[in-house]
Amino acid sequence: MSVAVPAHNFGIEHLDCLECGDLITNPICPDCIAKAFEDWIRKYPRLAKKVLFKIKKFLKGHKHFDEDSQLCVICKSKKAWSCPYCFTEHIFDLLKQAKASNEVLREYLRFFNFDFGDFSGKWGYWKEGEKLNIY
């Protein structure tokens, strides 16, 4: 997941996701999602070791978007620069790259699914979840 923002947008609060450009209607910041993910993934130490470093590096690389973003409904910080769908899709891709089992992927999608199908128009990992028989 790469984020690109035209220079004229710096310093201006944005309400859209910097990845997909859609309006963020569930403003939960990537930091809060990452904290919840970290709590969950710890029961899979091999995967945690492979994935958490990449997530922390990703978040650190995007800190410059903090304070120009929507207010997170959980931590109340202005850090919701990515919609929960895009960030959780990024984590899902990292889990697949780390060769997570189908069981782990199914569990992840049960806990961290922000792909609302018809409602979001994304149809990304929701379709993969169907193939994993989680719905």
Protein backbone atom coordinates (compact mmCIF):
# COMPACT_ATOMS: atom_id res chain seq x y z
CA MET A 1 0.00 0.00 0.00
CA SER A 2 1.52 3.29 -1.00
CA VAL A 3 0.12 6.69 -0.26
CA ALA A 4 0.62 9.72 -2.46
CA VAL A 5 -0.83 13.13 -1.72
CA PRO A 6 -0.33 16.24 -3.84
CA ALA A 7 1.82 18.81 -2.02
CA HIS A 8 -1.01 21.36 -1.94
CA ASN A 9 -2.96 19.09 0.46
CA PHE A 10 -0.38 19.18 3.25
CA GLY A 11 -1.56 21.17 6.24
CA ILE A 12 -5.23 20.85 5.26
CA GLU A 13 -7.49 18.44 7.11
CA HIS A 14 -8.68 15.72 4.78
CA LEU A 15 -11.73 13.52 5.21
CA ASP A 16 -10.84 11.07 2.48
CA CYS A 17 -8.63 7.99 2.54
CA LEU A 18 -5.17 8.71 1.22
CA GLU A 19 -5.06 5.25 -0.36
CA CYS A 20 -8.40 4.84 -2.15
CA GLY A 21 -9.66 8.43 -2.10
CA ASP A 22 -13.08 7.49 -0.67
CA LEU A 23 -14.64 9.40 2.18
CA ILE A 24 -13.70 7.80 5.51
CA THR A 25 -17.04 6.90 7.06
CA ASN A 26 -15.59 4.72 9.86
CA PRO A 27 -12.79 6.92 11.20
CA ILE A 28 -10.69 4.41 13.10
CA CYS A 29 -7.03 5.28 12.74
CA PRO A 30 -4.42 2.78 11.57
CA ASP A 31 -2.67 3.02 14.96
CA CYS A 32 -5.78 1.79 16.80
CA ILE A 33 -6.35 -1.01 14.30
CA ALA A 34 -2.66 -1.96 14.56
CA LYS A 35 -2.87 -2.11 18.37
CA ALA A 36 -5.89 -4.42 18.22
CA PHE A 37 -4.17 -6.52 15.55
CA GLU A 38 -1.01 -6.77 17.67
CA ASP A 39 -3.04 -8.03 20.63
CA TRP A 40 -4.65 -10.68 18.42
CA ILE A 41 -1.58 -11.80 16.42
CA ARG A 42 0.51 -12.45 19.55
CA LYS A 43 -1.11 -15.88 19.83
CA TYR A 44 0.67 -16.71 16.55
CA PRO A 45 4.29 -15.83 17.44
CA ARG A 46 5.80 -16.90 14.10
CA LEU A 47 3.43 -14.64 12.18
CA ALA A 48 3.72 -11.84 14.72
CA LYS A 49 7.47 -11.76 14.22
CA LYS A 50 7.09 -11.54 10.42
CA VAL A 51 4.24 -9.04 10.24
CA LEU A 52 4.43 -6.62 13.17
CA PHE A 53 7.76 -5.13 12.13
CA LYS A 54 6.36 -4.36 8.67
CA ILE A 55 3.25 -2.73 10.11
CA LYS A 56 5.26 -0.57 12.52
CA LYS A 57 7.58 0.48 9.70
CA PHE A 58 4.59 1.34 7.52
CA LEU A 59 2.96 3.43 10.27
CA LYS A 60 6.20 5.24 11.03
CA GLY A 61 6.54 6.09 7.33
CA HIS A 62 3.10 7.72 7.35
CA LYS A 63 3.32 9.74 10.59
CA HIS A 64 3.57 12.95 8.58
CA PHE A 65 -0.17 12.61 7.80
CA ASP A 66 -1.11 12.72 11.50
CA GLU A 67 -2.84 15.89 12.67
CA ASP A 68 -4.17 16.66 9.15
CA SER A 69 -6.59 13.76 9.28
CA GLN A 70 -9.99 12.92 10.70
CA LEU A 71 -10.47 12.40 14.40
CA CYS A 72 -10.29 8.73 15.33
CA VAL A 73 -13.43 7.58 17.17
CA ILE A 74 -11.34 5.36 19.47
CA CYS A 75 -8.25 7.32 20.52
CA LYS A 76 -9.59 10.79 19.67
CA SER A 77 -6.38 11.70 17.82
CA LYS A 78 -6.38 13.20 14.34
CA LYS A 79 -4.79 10.13 12.76
CA ALA A 80 -7.51 8.60 10.55
CA TRP A 81 -5.67 9.16 7.25
CA SER A 82 -6.55 5.72 5.86
CA CYS A 83 -9.95 4.09 5.85
CA PRO A 84 -10.17 0.92 7.92
CA TYR A 85 -10.81 -1.08 4.75
CA CYS A 86 -7.53 -0.07 3.07
CA PHE A 87 -5.45 -0.54 6.19
CA THR A 88 -6.94 -3.93 7.08
CA GLU A 89 -6.51 -5.03 3.46
CA HIS A 90 -2.83 -4.08 3.76
CA ILE A 91 -2.53 -6.23 6.90
CA PHE A 92 -4.39 -9.08 5.18
CA ASP A 93 -1.88 -8.93 2.31
CA LEU A 94 1.00 -9.02 4.81
CA LEU A 95 -0.50 -12.12 6.44
CA LYS A 96 -0.76 -13.84 3.06
CA GLN A 97 2.85 -12.89 2.24
CA ALA A 98 3.88 -14.41 5.58
CA LYS A 99 2.16 -17.66 4.51
CA ALA A 100 -0.56 -17.53 7.18
CA SER A 101 -2.77 -20.61 7.18
CA ASN A 102 -6.34 -20.44 5.91
CA GLU A 103 -7.47 -20.89 9.51
CA VAL A 104 -5.56 -17.76 10.58
CA LEU A 105 -6.82 -15.79 7.56
CA ARG A 106 -10.41 -16.80 8.35
CA GLU A 107 -9.99 -15.70 11.96
CA TYR A 108 -8.42 -12.41 10.88
CA LEU A 109 -11.36 -11.66 8.60
CA ARG A 110 -13.83 -12.45 11.36
CA PHE A 111 -12.21 -9.89 13.65
CA PHE A 112 -10.89 -7.24 11.25
CA ASN A 113 -13.32 -7.19 8.33
CA PHE A 114 -14.10 -3.68 7.10
CA ASP A 115 -15.05 -4.83 3.60
CA PHE A 116 -18.79 -4.28 3.62
CA GLY A 117 -19.36 -5.52 0.06
CA ASP A 118 -22.30 -3.77 -1.57
CA PHE A 119 -22.20 -0.94 0.94
CA SER A 120 -18.56 0.02 0.49
CA GLY A 121 -18.22 -0.88 -3.17
CA LYS A 122 -14.78 -2.33 -2.45
CA TRP A 123 -15.31 -6.08 -2.94
CA GLY A 124 -11.71 -6.82 -2.05
CA TYR A 125 -10.91 -9.27 0.69
CA TRP A 126 -14.63 -9.96 1.23
CA LYS A 127 -14.49 -12.12 -1.89
CA GLU A 128 -11.43 -13.92 -0.54
CA GLY A 129 -13.33 -14.49 2.69
CA GLU A 130 -16.05 -16.22 0.70
CA LYS A 131 -13.44 -18.57 -0.75
CA LEU A 132 -12.19 -19.28 2.80
CA ASN A 133 -15.78 -20.13 3.80
CA ILE A 134 -16.09 -17.60 6.59
CA TYR A 135 -19.51 -16.27 5.56
